[in-house]
Amino acid sequence: MVVNITHIVLAGIVLITLLTVTLLSLYYRHQFISHYPQFSRSYDLMLLGLFLAVLTKTLFLPLDLNNAVHSLRTE
């Protein structure tokens, strides 16, 4: 039971962390590109990757939570 609750909490922490890093990267994009214009494409690709990670984590989080709840009921 403790493992399942830990799994739920960690999944939430990962989602919040990914979302925070993505939003901060988006916020500081202009400042970074103004200092390093040669890295603008790389920065945008990394930002796209972070966005896709947030999107996939958000889409699969209900499946993770559903799996954790069902394993709590079977114990």
PDB file of N, CA and C in Angstrom:
ATOM      1  N   MET A   1       0.820  -1.195   0.000  1.00  0.00           N
ATOM      2  CA  MET A   1       0.000   0.000   0.000  1.00  0.00           C
ATOM      3  C   MET A   1       0.859   1.252   0.000  1.00  0.00           C
ATOM      4  N   VAL A   2       1.944   1.246   0.776  1.00  0.00           N
ATOM      5  CA  VAL A   2       2.835   2.396   0.832  1.00  0.00           C
ATOM      6  C   VAL A   2       3.498   2.627  -0.517  1.00  0.00           C
ATOM      7  N   VAL A   3       3.831   1.539  -1.205  1.00  0.00           N
ATOM      8  CA  VAL A   3       4.475   1.652  -2.509  1.00  0.00           C
ATOM      9  C   VAL A   3       3.540   2.330  -3.507  1.00  0.00           C
ATOM     10  N   ASN A   4       2.262   1.994  -3.472  1.00  0.00           N
ATOM     11  CA  ASN A   4       1.302   2.580  -4.408  1.00  0.00           C
ATOM     12  C   ASN A   4       1.090   4.064  -4.135  1.00  0.00           C
ATOM     13  N   ILE A   5       1.012   4.444  -2.872  1.00  0.00           N
ATOM     14  CA  ILE A   5       0.863   5.859  -2.534  1.00  0.00           C
ATOM     15  C   ILE A   5       2.119   6.613  -2.946  1.00  0.00           C
ATOM     16  N   THR A   6       3.269   6.014  -2.739  1.00  0.00           N
ATOM     17  CA  THR A   6       4.528   6.621  -3.158  1.00  0.00           C
ATOM     18  C   THR A   6       4.555   6.793  -4.667  1.00  0.00           C
ATOM     19  N   HIS A   7       4.053   5.811  -5.394  1.00  0.00           N
ATOM     20  CA  HIS A   7       4.001   5.888  -6.854  1.00  0.00           C
ATOM     21  C   HIS A   7       3.128   7.047  -7.300  1.00  0.00           C
ATOM     22  N   ILE A   8       1.989   7.239  -6.662  1.00  0.00           N
ATOM     23  CA  ILE A   8       1.080   8.326  -7.006  1.00  0.00           C
ATOM     24  C   ILE A   8       1.739   9.681  -6.727  1.00  0.00           C
ATOM     25  N   VAL A   9       2.355   9.797  -5.576  1.00  0.00           N
ATOM     26  CA  VAL A   9       3.005  11.056  -5.203  1.00  0.00           C
ATOM     27  C   VAL A   9       4.158  11.366  -6.157  1.00  0.00           C
ATOM     28  N   LEU A  10       4.965  10.374  -6.466  1.00  0.00           N
ATOM     29  CA  LEU A  10       6.085  10.591  -7.382  1.00  0.00           C
ATOM     30  C   LEU A  10       5.612  10.964  -8.786  1.00  0.00           C
ATOM     31  N   ALA A  11       4.547  10.364  -9.246  1.00  0.00           N
ATOM     32  CA  ALA A  11       4.005  10.710 -10.560  1.00  0.00           C
ATOM     33  C   ALA A  11       3.551  12.170 -10.579  1.00  0.00           C
ATOM     34  N   GLY A  12       2.936  12.613  -9.512  1.00  0.00           N
ATOM     35  CA  GLY A  12       2.529  14.013  -9.420  1.00  0.00           C
ATOM     36  C   GLY A  12       3.713  14.956  -9.356  1.00  0.00           C
ATOM     37  N   ILE A  13       4.731  14.584  -8.600  1.00  0.00           N
ATOM     38  CA  ILE A  13       5.934  15.416  -8.496  1.00  0.00           C
ATOM     39  C   ILE A  13       6.637  15.523  -9.845  1.00  0.00           C
ATOM     40  N   VAL A  14       6.708  14.415 -10.570  1.00  0.00           N
ATOM     41  CA  VAL A  14       7.345  14.434 -11.884  1.00  0.00           C
ATOM     42  C   VAL A  14       6.579  15.351 -12.833  1.00  0.00           C
ATOM     43  N   LEU A  15       5.268  15.262 -12.821  1.00  0.00           N
ATOM     44  CA  LEU A  15       4.463  16.117 -13.698  1.00  0.00           C
ATOM     45  C   LEU A  15       4.637  17.585 -13.347  1.00  0.00           C
ATOM     46  N   ILE A  16       4.598  17.912 -12.074  1.00  0.00           N
ATOM     47  CA  ILE A  16       4.767  19.306 -11.644  1.00  0.00           C
ATOM     48  C   ILE A  16       6.157  19.821 -11.999  1.00  0.00           C
ATOM     49  N   THR A  17       7.174  18.980 -11.824  1.00  0.00           N
ATOM     50  CA  THR A  17       8.540  19.379 -12.161  1.00  0.00           C
ATOM     51  C   THR A  17       8.696  19.616 -13.655  1.00  0.00           C
ATOM     52  N   LEU A  18       8.187  18.702 -14.470  1.00  0.00           N
ATOM     53  CA  LEU A  18       8.262  18.880 -15.918  1.00  0.00           C
ATOM     54  C   LEU A  18       7.521  20.146 -16.362  1.00  0.00           C
ATOM     55  N   LEU A  19       6.365  20.371 -15.799  1.00  0.00           N
ATOM     56  CA  LEU A  19       5.585  21.555 -16.150  1.00  0.00           C
ATOM     57  C   LEU A  19       6.319  22.829 -15.733  1.00  0.00           C
ATOM     58  N   THR A  20       6.913  22.830 -14.550  1.00  0.00           N
ATOM     59  CA  THR A  20       7.653  23.996 -14.069  1.00  0.00           C
ATOM     60  C   THR A  20       8.857  24.299 -14.948  1.00  0.00           C
ATOM     61  N   VAL A  21       9.626  23.267 -15.281  1.00  0.00           N
ATOM     62  CA  VAL A  21      10.805  23.466 -16.129  1.00  0.00           C
ATOM     63  C   VAL A  21      10.396  23.956 -17.515  1.00  0.00           C
ATOM     64  N   THR A  22       9.322  23.417 -18.052  1.00  0.00           N
ATOM     65  CA  THR A  22       8.850  23.852 -19.364  1.00  0.00           C
ATOM     66  C   THR A  22       8.410  25.309 -19.335  1.00  0.00           C
ATOM     67  N   LEU A  23       7.639  25.695 -18.329  1.00  0.00           N
ATOM     68  CA  LEU A  23       7.170  27.078 -18.247  1.00  0.00           C
ATOM     69  C   LEU A  23       8.318  28.049 -18.002  1.00  0.00           C
ATOM     70  N   LEU A  24       9.285  27.673 -17.169  1.00  0.00           N
ATOM     71  CA  LEU A  24      10.445  28.533 -16.955  1.00  0.00           C
ATOM     72  C   LEU A  24      11.284  28.660 -18.219  1.00  0.00           C
ATOM     73  N   SER A  25      11.434  27.571 -18.950  1.00  0.00           N
ATOM     74  CA  SER A  25      12.180  27.618 -20.209  1.00  0.00           C
ATOM     75  C   SER A  25      11.479  28.505 -21.227  1.00  0.00           C
ATOM     76  N   LEU A  26      10.177  28.439 -21.248  1.00  0.00           N
ATOM     77  CA  LEU A  26       9.414  29.289 -22.154  1.00  0.00           C
ATOM     78  C   LEU A  26       9.519  30.761 -21.735  1.00  0.00           C
ATOM     79  N   TYR A  27       9.493  31.011 -20.445  1.00  0.00           N
ATOM     80  CA  TYR A  27       9.574  32.371 -19.920  1.00  0.00           C
ATOM     81  C   TYR A  27      10.929  33.015 -20.245  1.00  0.00           C
ATOM     82  N   TYR A  28      12.011  32.245 -20.099  1.00  0.00           N
ATOM     83  CA  TYR A  28      13.353  32.778 -20.309  1.00  0.00           C
ATOM     84  C   TYR A  28      13.882  32.570 -21.731  1.00  0.00           C
ATOM     85  N   ARG A  29      13.030  32.150 -22.642  1.00  0.00           N
ATOM     86  CA  ARG A  29      13.456  31.882 -24.011  1.00  0.00           C
ATOM     87  C   ARG A  29      14.024  33.130 -24.678  1.00  0.00           C
ATOM     88  N   HIS A  30      13.327  34.236 -24.577  1.00  0.00           N
ATOM     89  CA  HIS A  30      13.773  35.457 -25.250  1.00  0.00           C
ATOM     90  C   HIS A  30      15.137  35.921 -24.721  1.00  0.00           C
ATOM     91  N   GLN A  31      15.319  35.874 -23.409  1.00  0.00           N
ATOM     92  CA  GLN A  31      16.598  36.294 -22.828  1.00  0.00           C
ATOM     93  C   GLN A  31      17.735  35.390 -23.289  1.00  0.00           C
ATOM     94  N   PHE A  32      17.489  34.096 -23.316  1.00  0.00           N
ATOM     95  CA  PHE A  32      18.529  33.165 -23.742  1.00  0.00           C
ATOM     96  C   PHE A  32      18.893  33.387 -25.205  1.00  0.00           C
ATOM     97  N   ILE A  33      17.885  33.523 -26.049  1.00  0.00           N
ATOM     98  CA  ILE A  33      18.139  33.671 -27.487  1.00  0.00           C
ATOM     99  C   ILE A  33      18.782  35.026 -27.791  1.00  0.00           C
ATOM    100  N   SER A  34      18.483  36.046 -26.998  1.00  0.00           N
ATOM    101  CA  SER A  34      19.135  37.337 -27.228  1.00  0.00           C
ATOM    102  C   SER A  34      20.628  37.274 -26.894  1.00  0.00           C
ATOM    103  N   HIS A  35      21.007  36.440 -25.935  1.00  0.00           N
ATOM    104  CA  HIS A  35      22.429  36.275 -25.605  1.00  0.00           C
ATOM    105  C   HIS A  35      23.128  35.264 -26.514  1.00  0.00           C
ATOM    106  N   TYR A  36      22.415  34.224 -26.912  1.00  0.00           N
ATOM    107  CA  TYR A  36      22.999  33.153 -27.722  1.00  0.00           C
ATOM    108  C   TYR A  36      22.112  32.877 -28.935  1.00  0.00           C
ATOM    109  N   PRO A  37      22.126  33.755 -29.926  1.00  0.00           N
ATOM    110  CA  PRO A  37      21.232  33.557 -31.076  1.00  0.00           C
ATOM    111  C   PRO A  37      21.572  32.306 -31.894  1.00  0.00           C
ATOM    112  N   GLN A  38      22.803  31.842 -31.821  1.00  0.00           N
ATOM    113  CA  GLN A  38      23.180  30.661 -32.589  1.00  0.00           C
ATOM    114  C   GLN A  38      22.544  29.384 -32.033  1.00  0.00           C
ATOM    115  N   PHE A  39      22.044  29.437 -30.807  1.00  0.00           N
ATOM    116  CA  PHE A  39      21.428  28.259 -30.190  1.00  0.00           C
ATOM    117  C   PHE A  39      19.900  28.322 -30.192  1.00  0.00           C
ATOM    118  N   SER A  40      19.322  29.218 -30.959  1.00  0.00           N
ATOM    119  CA  SER A  40      17.867  29.393 -30.920  1.00  0.00           C
ATOM    120  C   SER A  40      17.128  28.137 -31.381  1.00  0.00           C
ATOM    121  N   ARG A  41      17.621  27.511 -32.439  1.00  0.00           N
ATOM    122  CA  ARG A  41      16.954  26.302 -32.933  1.00  0.00           C
ATOM    123  C   ARG A  41      17.078  25.151 -31.929  1.00  0.00           C
ATOM    124  N   SER A  42      18.258  25.008 -31.337  1.00  0.00           N
ATOM    125  CA  SER A  42      18.461  23.959 -30.331  1.00  0.00           C
ATOM    126  C   SER A  42      17.568  24.195 -29.114  1.00  0.00           C
ATOM    127  N   TYR A  43      17.461  25.446 -28.690  1.00  0.00           N
ATOM    128  CA  TYR A  43      16.620  25.777 -27.544  1.00  0.00           C
ATOM    129  C   TYR A  43      15.161  25.456 -27.841  1.00  0.00           C
ATOM    130  N   ASP A  44      14.727  25.806 -29.048  1.00  0.00           N
ATOM    131  CA  ASP A  44      13.343  25.523 -29.428  1.00  0.00           C
ATOM    132  C   ASP A  44      13.073  24.023 -29.484  1.00  0.00           C
ATOM    133  N   LEU A  45      14.040  23.250 -29.966  1.00  0.00           N
ATOM    134  CA  LEU A  45      13.862  21.793 -30.010  1.00  0.00           C
ATOM    135  C   LEU A  45      13.817  21.195 -28.603  1.00  0.00           C
ATOM    136  N   MET A  46      14.649  21.706 -27.700  1.00  0.00           N
ATOM    137  CA  MET A  46      14.600  21.219 -26.319  1.00  0.00           C
ATOM    138  C   MET A  46      13.288  21.614 -25.653  1.00  0.00           C
ATOM    139  N   LEU A  47      12.805  22.811 -25.958  1.00  0.00           N
ATOM    140  CA  LEU A  47      11.517  23.249 -25.423  1.00  0.00           C
ATOM    141  C   LEU A  47      10.377  22.392 -25.960  1.00  0.00           C
ATOM    142  N   LEU A  48      10.453  22.036 -27.236  1.00  0.00           N
ATOM    143  CA  LEU A  48       9.459  21.134 -27.821  1.00  0.00           C
ATOM    144  C   LEU A  48       9.500  19.764 -27.141  1.00  0.00           C
ATOM    145  N   GLY A  49      10.698  19.267 -26.880  1.00  0.00           N
ATOM    146  CA  GLY A  49      10.834  17.988 -26.182  1.00  0.00           C
ATOM    147  C   GLY A  49      10.239  18.036 -24.779  1.00  0.00           C
ATOM    148  N   LEU A  50      10.482  19.129 -24.066  1.00  0.00           N
ATOM    149  CA  LEU A  50       9.892  19.269 -22.733  1.00  0.00           C
ATOM    150  C   LEU A  50       8.370  19.331 -22.809  1.00  0.00           C
ATOM    151  N   PHE A  51       7.851  20.052 -23.793  1.00  0.00           N
ATOM    152  CA  PHE A  51       6.408  20.129 -23.959  1.00  0.00           C
ATOM    153  C   PHE A  51       5.811  18.760 -24.255  1.00  0.00           C
ATOM    154  N   LEU A  52       6.469  17.996 -25.116  1.00  0.00           N
ATOM    155  CA  LEU A  52       5.976  16.648 -25.425  1.00  0.00           C
ATOM    156  C   LEU A  52       6.051  15.731 -24.208  1.00  0.00           C
ATOM    157  N   ALA A  53       7.079  15.905 -23.378  1.00  0.00           N
ATOM    158  CA  ALA A  53       7.176  15.112 -22.149  1.00  0.00           C
ATOM    159  C   ALA A  53       6.032  15.446 -21.199  1.00  0.00           C
ATOM    160  N   VAL A  54       5.705  16.731 -21.074  1.00  0.00           N
ATOM    161  CA  VAL A  54       4.569  17.140 -20.225  1.00  0.00           C
ATOM    162  C   VAL A  54       3.268  16.581 -20.785  1.00  0.00           C
ATOM    163  N   LEU A  55       3.115  16.662 -22.098  1.00  0.00           N
ATOM    164  CA  LEU A  55       1.896  16.162 -22.732  1.00  0.00           C
ATOM    165  C   LEU A  55       1.726  14.660 -22.515  1.00  0.00           C
ATOM    166  N   THR A  56       2.782  13.884 -22.734  1.00  0.00           N
ATOM    167  CA  THR A  56       2.668  12.437 -22.562  1.00  0.00           C
ATOM    168  C   THR A  56       2.468  12.061 -21.097  1.00  0.00           C
ATOM    169  N   LYS A  57       3.144  12.773 -20.189  1.00  0.00           N
ATOM    170  CA  LYS A  57       2.949  12.483 -18.766  1.00  0.00           C
ATOM    171  C   LYS A  57       1.521  12.800 -18.352  1.00  0.00           C
ATOM    172  N   THR A  58       0.968  13.892 -18.886  1.00  0.00           N
ATOM    173  CA  THR A  58      -0.413  14.260 -18.573  1.00  0.00           C
ATOM    174  C   THR A  58      -1.395  13.233 -19.130  1.00  0.00           C
ATOM    175  N   LEU A  59      -1.125  12.742 -20.333  1.00  0.00           N
ATOM    176  CA  LEU A  59      -2.022  11.754 -20.936  1.00  0.00           C
ATOM    177  C   LEU A  59      -1.961  10.404 -20.226  1.00  0.00           C
ATOM    178  N   PHE A  60      -0.779  10.018 -19.769  1.00  0.00           N
ATOM    179  CA  PHE A  60      -0.638   8.709 -19.144  1.00  0.00           C
ATOM    180  C   PHE A  60      -0.804   8.726 -17.627  1.00  0.00           C
ATOM    181  N   LEU A  61      -0.894   9.899 -17.027  1.00  0.00           N
ATOM    182  CA  LEU A  61      -1.080   9.974 -15.576  1.00  0.00           C
ATOM    183  C   LEU A  61      -2.376   9.305 -15.117  1.00  0.00           C
ATOM    184  N   PRO A  62      -3.506   9.494 -15.802  1.00  0.00           N
ATOM    185  CA  PRO A  62      -4.719   8.773 -15.371  1.00  0.00           C
ATOM    186  C   PRO A  62      -4.551   7.250 -15.413  1.00  0.00           C
ATOM    187  N   LEU A  63      -3.810   6.749 -16.392  1.00  0.00           N
ATOM    188  CA  LEU A  63      -3.569   5.306 -16.441  1.00  0.00           C
ATOM    189  C   LEU A  63      -2.720   4.850 -15.257  1.00  0.00           C
ATOM    190  N   ASP A  64      -1.703   5.644 -14.907  1.00  0.00           N
ATOM    191  CA  ASP A  64      -0.881   5.318 -13.750  1.00  0.00           C
ATOM    192  C   ASP A  64      -1.707   5.330 -12.469  1.00  0.00           C
ATOM    193  N   LEU A  65      -2.533   6.350 -12.319  1.00  0.00           N
ATOM    194  CA  LEU A  65      -3.350   6.454 -11.113  1.00  0.00           C
ATOM    195  C   LEU A  65      -4.392   5.345 -11.051  1.00  0.00           C
ATOM    196  N   ASN A  66      -4.972   5.003 -12.194  1.00  0.00           N
ATOM    197  CA  ASN A  66      -5.943   3.919 -12.246  1.00  0.00           C
ATOM    198  C   ASN A  66      -5.286   2.600 -11.849  1.00  0.00           C
ATOM    199  N   ASN A  67      -4.095   2.361 -12.357  1.00  0.00           N
ATOM    200  CA  ASN A  67      -3.357   1.143 -12.015  1.00  0.00           C
ATOM    201  C   ASN A  67      -3.024   1.115 -10.532  1.00  0.00           C
ATOM    202  N   ALA A  68      -2.622   2.246  -9.970  1.00  0.00           N
ATOM    203  CA  ALA A  68      -2.283   2.298  -8.550  1.00  0.00           C
ATOM    204  C   ALA A  68      -3.510   2.071  -7.686  1.00  0.00           C
ATOM    205  N   VAL A  69      -4.664   2.631  -8.076  1.00  0.00           N
ATOM    206  CA  VAL A  69      -5.901   2.445  -7.302  1.00  0.00           C
ATOM    207  C   VAL A  69      -6.359   0.996  -7.361  1.00  0.00           C
ATOM    208  N   HIS A  70      -6.294   0.368  -8.531  1.00  0.00           N
ATOM    209  CA  HIS A  70      -6.707  -1.029  -8.652  1.00  0.00           C
ATOM    210  C   HIS A  70      -5.792  -1.956  -7.850  1.00  0.00           C
ATOM    211  N   SER A  71      -4.520  -1.638  -7.804  1.00  0.00           N
ATOM    212  CA  SER A  71      -3.625  -2.495  -7.013  1.00  0.00           C
ATOM    213  C   SER A  71      -3.838  -2.252  -5.526  1.00  0.00           C
ATOM    214  N   LEU A  72      -4.343  -1.074  -5.131  1.00  0.00           N
ATOM    215  CA  LEU A  72      -4.680  -0.840  -3.724  1.00  0.00           C
ATOM    216  C   LEU A  72      -5.900  -1.676  -3.337  1.00  0.00           C
ATOM    217  N   ARG A  73      -6.859  -1.823  -4.241  1.00  0.00           N
ATOM    218  CA  ARG A  73      -8.077  -2.578  -3.937  1.00  0.00           C
ATOM    219  C   ARG A  73      -7.834  -4.062  -3.836  1.00  0.00           C
ATOM    220  N   THR A  74      -6.844  -4.562  -4.553  1.00  0.00           N
ATOM    221  CA  THR A  74      -6.588  -6.000  -4.533  1.00  0.00           C
ATOM    222  C   THR A  74      -5.787  -6.442  -3.320  1.00  0.00           C
ATOM    223  N   GLU A  75      -5.193  -5.486  -2.613  1.00  0.00           N
ATOM    224  CA  GLU A  75      -4.406  -5.878  -1.419  1.00  0.00           C
ATOM    225  C   GLU A  75      -5.284  -6.117  -0.227  1.00  0.00           C
TER     226      GLU A  75
END
